[in-house]
Amino acid sequence: MFITFEGVEGAGKTTAIEAVARHLTSCGEKVCRTREPGGCPLGQQLRSLLLSAQTRLDPLAELHLFLADRAQHVAEVIRPALADGAIVLCDRFTDSTLAYQGFARHLDLDMLRTLNKSATGDLEPDLTLILDLPVQEGLRRVAERRRQTGCTGEGRIDDEQLSFHEAVRKGFLFIAEQAPSRVCLLDAGRPREEVLAACLEAIAAHRPGLGLVQ
């Protein structure tokens, strides 16, 4: 089973994935946690370019770097893990390309869909959990995290204008509306325990045979 987690900056995807992975593992499931960019060795190198606050990229250059990461990631990590029977939990995937490069960077959506299909070999998630949060609250969380950790090296996208992040959220909401059978929209403003419960409920509803316990 291939599950992707999407959302605006600061929505809590990483926290949710960690909690879901722990729960699935405790239920005896084999789990593969990964992310984009950076889920494979090539992606780790590209991540430093794509997210560095010092990097300046043309939208098309940015797009193709993300796609290069995705093609290698699918071939090297995701497909092998799925073939091995693992539940793959991925922090961002093709929907992020539509939201960020499409809705926020204004690249053609049909072109992006075609390129996504090429990069993934037509691989699509079985389930996508979009953690929805007002943009300003997400950016507040990001600023607080950066203050606490002192980590500012991956701030290129965080530091975009508010209108950029609002366009990203609009993109995710559009995706959720267009693909209701695959996408579950979750309120990321709730307490962490409630967000985890909502994630597990969505997973169990999509694949009852997993036998998740609360």
C-alpha atoms as a PDB file:
ATOM      1  CA  MET A   1       0.000   0.000   0.000  1.00  0.00           C
ATOM      2  CA  PHE A   2       1.356   3.391  -1.016  1.00  0.00           C
ATOM      3  CA  ILE A   3       0.253   6.329   1.165  1.00  0.00           C
ATOM      4  CA  THR A   4       1.348   9.919   0.573  1.00  0.00           C
ATOM      5  CA  PHE A   5       1.123  12.842   2.976  1.00  0.00           C
ATOM      6  CA  GLU A   6       0.670  16.344   1.596  1.00  0.00           C
ATOM      7  CA  GLY A   7       0.004  19.839   2.882  1.00  0.00           C
ATOM      8  CA  VAL A   8       1.241  23.382   3.251  1.00  0.00           C
ATOM      9  CA  GLU A   9       4.429  24.235   5.100  1.00  0.00           C
ATOM     10  CA  GLY A  10       4.052  23.574   8.815  1.00  0.00           C
ATOM     11  CA  ALA A  11       1.011  21.320   8.485  1.00  0.00           C
ATOM     12  CA  GLY A  12       2.666  18.566  10.540  1.00  0.00           C
ATOM     13  CA  LYS A  13       3.279  15.949   7.874  1.00  0.00           C
ATOM     14  CA  THR A  14       6.527  14.686   9.386  1.00  0.00           C
ATOM     15  CA  THR A  15       4.996  14.357  12.846  1.00  0.00           C
ATOM     16  CA  ALA A  16       1.974  12.532  11.430  1.00  0.00           C
ATOM     17  CA  ILE A  17       4.094  10.137   9.384  1.00  0.00           C
ATOM     18  CA  GLU A  18       6.268   9.290  12.376  1.00  0.00           C
ATOM     19  CA  ALA A  19       3.195   8.540  14.504  1.00  0.00           C
ATOM     20  CA  VAL A  20       1.468   6.515  11.783  1.00  0.00           C
ATOM     21  CA  ALA A  21       4.654   4.525  11.147  1.00  0.00           C
ATOM     22  CA  ARG A  22       5.006   3.683  14.838  1.00  0.00           C
ATOM     23  CA  HIS A  23       1.391   2.573  15.017  1.00  0.00           C
ATOM     24  CA  LEU A  24       1.517   0.435  11.882  1.00  0.00           C
ATOM     25  CA  THR A  25       4.751  -1.177  13.056  1.00  0.00           C
ATOM     26  CA  SER A  26       3.171  -1.968  16.431  1.00  0.00           C
ATOM     27  CA  CYS A  27       0.375  -3.708  14.511  1.00  0.00           C
ATOM     28  CA  GLY A  28       2.934  -5.947  12.849  1.00  0.00           C
ATOM     29  CA  GLU A  29       3.036  -4.180   9.487  1.00  0.00           C
ATOM     30  CA  LYS A  30       6.222  -3.713   7.483  1.00  0.00           C
ATOM     31  CA  VAL A  31       6.664   0.034   6.957  1.00  0.00           C
ATOM     32  CA  CYS A  32       8.897   2.114   4.693  1.00  0.00           C
ATOM     33  CA  ARG A  33       9.096   5.820   5.554  1.00  0.00           C
ATOM     34  CA  THR A  34      10.455   8.133   2.909  1.00  0.00           C
ATOM     35  CA  ARG A  35      10.193  11.678   1.586  1.00  0.00           C
ATOM     36  CA  GLU A  36      10.576  13.986  -1.386  1.00  0.00           C
ATOM     37  CA  PRO A  37      12.965  15.440  -2.045  1.00  0.00           C
ATOM     38  CA  GLY A  38      15.637  13.375  -0.333  1.00  0.00           C
ATOM     39  CA  GLY A  39      14.332   9.816  -0.141  1.00  0.00           C
ATOM     40  CA  CYS A  40      17.323   8.331  -1.963  1.00  0.00           C
ATOM     41  CA  PRO A  41      21.040   9.256  -2.190  1.00  0.00           C
ATOM     42  CA  LEU A  42      20.561  11.329  -5.362  1.00  0.00           C
ATOM     43  CA  GLY A  43      17.575  13.031  -3.768  1.00  0.00           C
ATOM     44  CA  GLN A  44      19.604  13.943  -0.703  1.00  0.00           C
ATOM     45  CA  GLN A  45      22.005  15.840  -2.930  1.00  0.00           C
ATOM     46  CA  LEU A  46      19.178  17.492  -4.859  1.00  0.00           C
ATOM     47  CA  ARG A  47      17.378  18.414  -1.630  1.00  0.00           C
ATOM     48  CA  SER A  48      20.243  20.664  -0.577  1.00  0.00           C
ATOM     49  CA  LEU A  49      19.926  22.513  -3.894  1.00  0.00           C
ATOM     50  CA  LEU A  50      16.145  22.665  -3.980  1.00  0.00           C
ATOM     51  CA  LEU A  51      15.538  23.828  -0.427  1.00  0.00           C
ATOM     52  CA  SER A  52      18.624  25.919   0.315  1.00  0.00           C
ATOM     53  CA  ALA A  53      17.812  29.527   1.101  1.00  0.00           C
ATOM     54  CA  GLN A  54      20.843  30.449  -1.005  1.00  0.00           C
ATOM     55  CA  THR A  55      19.555  28.793  -4.191  1.00  0.00           C
ATOM     56  CA  ARG A  56      17.820  30.776  -6.929  1.00  0.00           C
ATOM     57  CA  LEU A  57      15.977  28.631  -9.449  1.00  0.00           C
ATOM     58  CA  ASP A  58      13.904  29.256 -12.546  1.00  0.00           C
ATOM     59  CA  PRO A  59      10.519  27.496 -12.132  1.00  0.00           C
ATOM     60  CA  LEU A  60      11.281  25.047 -14.954  1.00  0.00           C
ATOM     61  CA  ALA A  61      14.706  24.230 -13.525  1.00  0.00           C
ATOM     62  CA  GLU A  62      13.104  23.686 -10.120  1.00  0.00           C
ATOM     63  CA  LEU A  63      10.479  21.417 -11.666  1.00  0.00           C
ATOM     64  CA  HIS A  64      12.966  19.187 -13.453  1.00  0.00           C
ATOM     65  CA  LEU A  65      15.145  18.803 -10.358  1.00  0.00           C
ATOM     66  CA  PHE A  66      12.096  17.620  -8.417  1.00  0.00           C
ATOM     67  CA  LEU A  67      11.210  15.239 -11.245  1.00  0.00           C
ATOM     68  CA  ALA A  68      14.744  13.821 -11.368  1.00  0.00           C
ATOM     69  CA  ASP A  69      14.534  13.152  -7.636  1.00  0.00           C
ATOM     70  CA  ARG A  70      11.137  11.506  -8.079  1.00  0.00           C
ATOM     71  CA  ALA A  71      12.177   9.213 -10.928  1.00  0.00           C
ATOM     72  CA  GLN A  72      15.173   7.924  -8.980  1.00  0.00           C
ATOM     73  CA  HIS A  73      13.173   7.711  -5.757  1.00  0.00           C
ATOM     74  CA  VAL A  74      10.434   5.597  -7.333  1.00  0.00           C
ATOM     75  CA  ALA A  75      12.920   3.262  -9.001  1.00  0.00           C
ATOM     76  CA  GLU A  76      15.294   2.917  -6.062  1.00  0.00           C
ATOM     77  CA  VAL A  77      13.035   3.072  -3.002  1.00  0.00           C
ATOM     78  CA  ILE A  78       9.274   3.080  -3.523  1.00  0.00           C
ATOM     79  CA  ARG A  79       8.747   0.292  -6.057  1.00  0.00           C
ATOM     80  CA  PRO A  80      11.188  -2.112  -4.325  1.00  0.00           C
ATOM     81  CA  ALA A  81       9.518  -1.470  -0.946  1.00  0.00           C
ATOM     82  CA  LEU A  82       6.052  -2.086  -2.403  1.00  0.00           C
ATOM     83  CA  ALA A  83       7.292  -5.271  -4.086  1.00  0.00           C
ATOM     84  CA  ASP A  84       8.611  -6.389  -0.688  1.00  0.00           C
ATOM     85  CA  GLY A  85       5.157  -6.000   0.837  1.00  0.00           C
ATOM     86  CA  ALA A  86       5.810  -2.833   2.810  1.00  0.00           C
ATOM     87  CA  ILE A  87       3.363  -0.027   3.445  1.00  0.00           C
ATOM     88  CA  VAL A  88       5.147   3.006   1.992  1.00  0.00           C
ATOM     89  CA  LEU A  89       4.561   6.318   3.772  1.00  0.00           C
ATOM     90  CA  CYS A  90       5.881   9.178   1.658  1.00  0.00           C
ATOM     91  CA  ASP A  91       6.204  12.811   2.735  1.00  0.00           C
ATOM     92  CA  ARG A  92       5.172  14.606  -0.504  1.00  0.00           C
ATOM     93  CA  PHE A  93       4.778  13.161  -3.985  1.00  0.00           C
ATOM     94  CA  THR A  94       3.156  14.152  -7.291  1.00  0.00           C
ATOM     95  CA  ASP A  95       0.407  16.287  -5.731  1.00  0.00           C
ATOM     96  CA  SER A  96       3.041  18.650  -4.389  1.00  0.00           C
ATOM     97  CA  THR A  97       4.205  19.246  -7.946  1.00  0.00           C
ATOM     98  CA  LEU A  98       0.694  20.285  -8.965  1.00  0.00           C
ATOM     99  CA  ALA A  99       0.242  22.512  -5.906  1.00  0.00           C
ATOM    100  CA  TYR A 100       3.665  24.164  -5.831  1.00  0.00           C
ATOM    101  CA  GLN A 101       4.815  24.239  -9.442  1.00  0.00           C
ATOM    102  CA  GLY A 102       1.301  24.429 -10.883  1.00  0.00           C
ATOM    103  CA  PHE A 103      -0.859  26.587  -8.652  1.00  0.00           C
ATOM    104  CA  ALA A 104       1.942  28.636  -7.069  1.00  0.00           C
ATOM    105  CA  ARG A 105       4.533  28.804  -9.890  1.00  0.00           C
ATOM    106  CA  HIS A 106       1.827  28.933 -12.596  1.00  0.00           C
ATOM    107  CA  LEU A 107       3.188  26.131 -14.761  1.00  0.00           C
ATOM    108  CA  ASP A 108       0.678  24.296 -16.950  1.00  0.00           C
ATOM    109  CA  LEU A 109      -1.181  21.617 -14.995  1.00  0.00           C
ATOM    110  CA  ASP A 110      -1.612  19.253 -17.932  1.00  0.00           C
ATOM    111  CA  MET A 111       2.118  19.419 -18.634  1.00  0.00           C
ATOM    112  CA  LEU A 112       2.840  18.680 -14.978  1.00  0.00           C
ATOM    113  CA  ARG A 113       0.514  15.680 -14.970  1.00  0.00           C
ATOM    114  CA  THR A 114       2.236  14.284 -18.065  1.00  0.00           C
ATOM    115  CA  LEU A 115       5.703  14.783 -16.585  1.00  0.00           C
ATOM    116  CA  ASN A 116       4.630  13.246 -13.285  1.00  0.00           C
ATOM    117  CA  LYS A 117       3.422  10.140 -15.128  1.00  0.00           C
ATOM    118  CA  SER A 118       6.736   9.923 -16.956  1.00  0.00           C
ATOM    119  CA  ALA A 119       8.809  10.322 -13.786  1.00  0.00           C
ATOM    120  CA  THR A 120       6.803   7.750 -11.824  1.00  0.00           C
ATOM    121  CA  GLY A 121       6.116   5.239 -14.563  1.00  0.00           C
ATOM    122  CA  ASP A 122       2.389   5.812 -13.891  1.00  0.00           C
ATOM    123  CA  LEU A 123       2.729   4.955 -10.201  1.00  0.00           C
ATOM    124  CA  GLU A 124      -0.026   6.610  -8.162  1.00  0.00           C
ATOM    125  CA  PRO A 125      -0.678   6.561  -4.404  1.00  0.00           C
ATOM    126  CA  ASP A 126      -3.394   4.268  -3.113  1.00  0.00           C
ATOM    127  CA  LEU A 127      -4.290   6.935  -0.565  1.00  0.00           C
ATOM    128  CA  THR A 128      -3.285  10.559  -0.075  1.00  0.00           C
ATOM    129  CA  LEU A 129      -3.754  12.336   3.241  1.00  0.00           C
ATOM    130  CA  ILE A 130      -3.761  16.111   2.842  1.00  0.00           C
ATOM    131  CA  LEU A 131      -3.177  17.851   6.159  1.00  0.00           C
ATOM    132  CA  ASP A 132      -4.974  21.150   5.762  1.00  0.00           C
ATOM    133  CA  LEU A 133      -4.087  24.220   7.805  1.00  0.00           C
ATOM    134  CA  PRO A 134      -4.483  27.977   7.391  1.00  0.00           C
ATOM    135  CA  VAL A 135      -1.296  29.265   5.793  1.00  0.00           C
ATOM    136  CA  GLN A 136      -0.443  31.800   8.485  1.00  0.00           C
ATOM    137  CA  GLU A 137      -0.681  29.163  11.220  1.00  0.00           C
ATOM    138  CA  GLY A 138       1.573  26.844   9.234  1.00  0.00           C
ATOM    139  CA  LEU A 139       4.181  29.545   8.727  1.00  0.00           C
ATOM    140  CA  ARG A 140       3.987  30.423  12.430  1.00  0.00           C
ATOM    141  CA  ARG A 141       4.787  26.801  13.240  1.00  0.00           C
ATOM    142  CA  VAL A 142       7.687  26.830  10.769  1.00  0.00           C
ATOM    143  CA  ALA A 143       9.120  29.996  12.332  1.00  0.00           C
ATOM    144  CA  GLU A 144       8.812  28.505  15.814  1.00  0.00           C
ATOM    145  CA  ARG A 145      10.522  25.285  14.723  1.00  0.00           C
ATOM    146  CA  ARG A 146      13.350  27.219  13.133  1.00  0.00           C
ATOM    147  CA  ARG A 147      13.717  29.320  16.273  1.00  0.00           C
ATOM    148  CA  GLN A 148      13.893  26.243  18.483  1.00  0.00           C
ATOM    149  CA  THR A 149      16.283  24.268  16.302  1.00  0.00           C
ATOM    150  CA  GLY A 150      18.334  27.139  14.922  1.00  0.00           C
ATOM    151  CA  CYS A 151      18.038  25.459  11.513  1.00  0.00           C
ATOM    152  CA  THR A 152      17.506  27.964   8.711  1.00  0.00           C
ATOM    153  CA  GLY A 153      19.325  26.178   5.881  1.00  0.00           C
ATOM    154  CA  GLU A 154      16.196  24.805   4.139  1.00  0.00           C
ATOM    155  CA  GLY A 155      14.171  27.990   4.051  1.00  0.00           C
ATOM    156  CA  ARG A 156      13.915  28.737   0.322  1.00  0.00           C
ATOM    157  CA  ILE A 157      10.268  27.708  -0.006  1.00  0.00           C
ATOM    158  CA  ASP A 158       9.301  28.637   3.564  1.00  0.00           C
ATOM    159  CA  ASP A 159      10.403  32.204   2.808  1.00  0.00           C
ATOM    160  CA  GLU A 160       8.167  32.678  -0.233  1.00  0.00           C
ATOM    161  CA  GLN A 161       5.500  35.386  -0.048  1.00  0.00           C
ATOM    162  CA  LEU A 162       2.198  34.715   1.686  1.00  0.00           C
ATOM    163  CA  SER A 163       0.386  34.740  -1.673  1.00  0.00           C
ATOM    164  CA  PHE A 164       2.586  31.830  -2.821  1.00  0.00           C
ATOM    165  CA  HIS A 165       1.613  29.719   0.170  1.00  0.00           C
ATOM    166  CA  GLU A 166      -2.051  30.630  -0.227  1.00  0.00           C
ATOM    167  CA  ALA A 167      -1.869  29.416  -3.841  1.00  0.00           C
ATOM    168  CA  VAL A 168      -0.298  26.145  -2.665  1.00  0.00           C
ATOM    169  CA  ARG A 169      -3.145  25.584  -0.210  1.00  0.00           C
ATOM    170  CA  LYS A 170      -5.670  26.379  -2.940  1.00  0.00           C
ATOM    171  CA  GLY A 171      -3.980  23.739  -5.084  1.00  0.00           C
ATOM    172  CA  PHE A 172      -4.248  21.061  -2.432  1.00  0.00           C
ATOM    173  CA  LEU A 173      -7.906  21.878  -1.795  1.00  0.00           C
ATOM    174  CA  PHE A 174      -8.553  21.602  -5.539  1.00  0.00           C
ATOM    175  CA  ILE A 175      -6.811  18.223  -5.667  1.00  0.00           C
ATOM    176  CA  ALA A 176      -8.904  16.958  -2.746  1.00  0.00           C
ATOM    177  CA  GLU A 177     -12.076  18.054  -4.503  1.00  0.00           C
ATOM    178  CA  GLN A 178     -11.085  16.462  -7.801  1.00  0.00           C
ATOM    179  CA  ALA A 179      -9.959  13.081  -6.430  1.00  0.00           C
ATOM    180  CA  PRO A 180     -12.254  12.181  -3.510  1.00  0.00           C
ATOM    181  CA  SER A 181     -11.758   8.428  -3.920  1.00  0.00           C
ATOM    182  CA  ARG A 182      -7.997   8.761  -3.367  1.00  0.00           C
ATOM    183  CA  VAL A 183      -7.613  11.897  -1.258  1.00  0.00           C
ATOM    184  CA  CYS A 184      -8.686  12.424   2.331  1.00  0.00           C
ATOM    185  CA  LEU A 185      -8.617  16.024   3.585  1.00  0.00           C
ATOM    186  CA  LEU A 186      -7.782  16.269   7.290  1.00  0.00           C
ATOM    187  CA  ASP A 187      -7.888  19.211   9.683  1.00  0.00           C
ATOM    188  CA  ALA A 188      -4.270  19.661  10.791  1.00  0.00           C
ATOM    189  CA  GLY A 189      -5.236  22.326  13.319  1.00  0.00           C
ATOM    190  CA  ARG A 190      -6.490  19.706  15.773  1.00  0.00           C
ATOM    191  CA  PRO A 191      -4.306  18.224  18.572  1.00  0.00           C
ATOM    192  CA  ARG A 192      -1.686  15.720  17.419  1.00  0.00           C
ATOM    193  CA  GLU A 193      -3.534  12.756  18.920  1.00  0.00           C
ATOM    194  CA  GLU A 194      -6.679  13.651  16.978  1.00  0.00           C
ATOM    195  CA  VAL A 195      -4.732  14.101  13.729  1.00  0.00           C
ATOM    196  CA  LEU A 196      -3.146  10.664  14.210  1.00  0.00           C
ATOM    197  CA  ALA A 197      -6.543   9.101  14.903  1.00  0.00           C
ATOM    198  CA  ALA A 198      -7.948  10.706  11.739  1.00  0.00           C
ATOM    199  CA  CYS A 199      -5.005   9.403   9.686  1.00  0.00           C
ATOM    200  CA  LEU A 200      -5.475   5.871  11.016  1.00  0.00           C
ATOM    201  CA  GLU A 201      -9.216   6.014  10.446  1.00  0.00           C
ATOM    202  CA  ALA A 202      -8.675   7.057   6.819  1.00  0.00           C
ATOM    203  CA  ILE A 203      -6.121   4.274   6.281  1.00  0.00           C
ATOM    204  CA  ALA A 204      -8.365   1.645   7.866  1.00  0.00           C
ATOM    205  CA  ALA A 205     -11.335   2.783   5.775  1.00  0.00           C
ATOM    206  CA  HIS A 206      -9.262   2.540   2.613  1.00  0.00           C
ATOM    207  CA  ARG A 207      -7.770  -0.867   3.458  1.00  0.00           C
ATOM    208  CA  PRO A 208      -9.895  -2.626   6.114  1.00  0.00           C
ATOM    209  CA  GLY A 209      -7.724  -5.734   5.947  1.00  0.00           C
ATOM    210  CA  LEU A 210      -4.888  -3.999   7.775  1.00  0.00           C
ATOM    211  CA  GLY A 211      -6.681  -4.620  11.073  1.00  0.00           C
ATOM    212  CA  LEU A 212      -5.478  -1.421  12.741  1.00  0.00           C
ATOM    213  CA  VAL A 213      -6.084  -1.069  16.457  1.00  0.00           C
ATOM    214  CA  GLN A 214      -6.655   2.242  18.212  1.00  0.00           C
END
